[in-house]
Each structure stands twice: as C-alpha cells, then as structure tokens.
Amino acid sequence: MYATADDIRARYGEDVLVQLAGADAWGPVAIAAVNLKLADASVLADGYIAKYYAPAPGAVLPPLLVQLVCKIAYCEMHRVPTEEASRQRAEAMKVLGDISRGLVKIDEGRGDLPARDGAVLVEDPGRTFSRDRLGGF
C-alpha cells in the first residue's frame, strides 16, 4: 500500500474517518475499513504509475503518491460522496493520468527510484579459502 491509516488520519481527522467507517472509535474496526479503501486506491494507482515507478522495499514513498492515494480512499469511504470528496478524487485521478502519460514526475526528479531493465552486476570479492591461502595449515 502506498499510504497508511495514519497518513489518511493526519489528512482528514480521526472523527471523520470513524464516522465514515461506521465504527464507534478509532480502533481495529475503523482501521480495517480505512486500510481496505487504501489498498483499493493503491491498486488503482498501480495501474497508472507502474510504467514509471516501482518502489523499492523499505524506500520512502513520494509524498505526491501518498496524497493521491489518500484522496481516492477518502472519497471511496463515502456511501454518497460529498462534492468536495468527489472533486478531490477527480483531481487525484487527473494527476494519476498525467503521471501515466509522463507529464508529471512522481519521483521528485530523482533518477534512482524507477526500476531498471537489464542484468544485475555484482563484484566478486574473491575466494576466502583456497589452497594458496591455506598452505601452512
């Protein structure tokens, strides 16, 4: 997932998300509902950005991507989206479309983030144990 429950909670507030999740408080039920929508939004974003961006495990995600996924998930949490939620989703989808066409760079101009094609080259440090090195034993 490109965003966490804490990311979306920081953007929209705990009370709003608890209400949208139909839970009593910010706990396992609300977090599970939020995570489901974040996972759905992340899968949707993958379809747009996969050509240009492949996050490395443990790498810091671009803030733009976190923001877009949160906007989409927030709208999807509404049974009947508000005008503001719909506007945010439409804006996020437009940016994802621009990313897929190469008009917007998601990696903040860093060239080291996208995955590259080709073979992996690793330098061999040499043999630790050989007949020459163990000659006196």
Foldseek 3Di string as FASTA:
>chain_A
DLEAPVLLCVVPNQVLLCVLQVHDGPDDSSRVLLVVLLVVLVVVLCVLQVVPFDADVPDRFQPLVRQLSSLRSSQVSHPDGDPVSVVSNVVSVVVSNCNSVVNDHRVVPDPPGHDDDDDDDDDDPDDPDDCVVPVVD
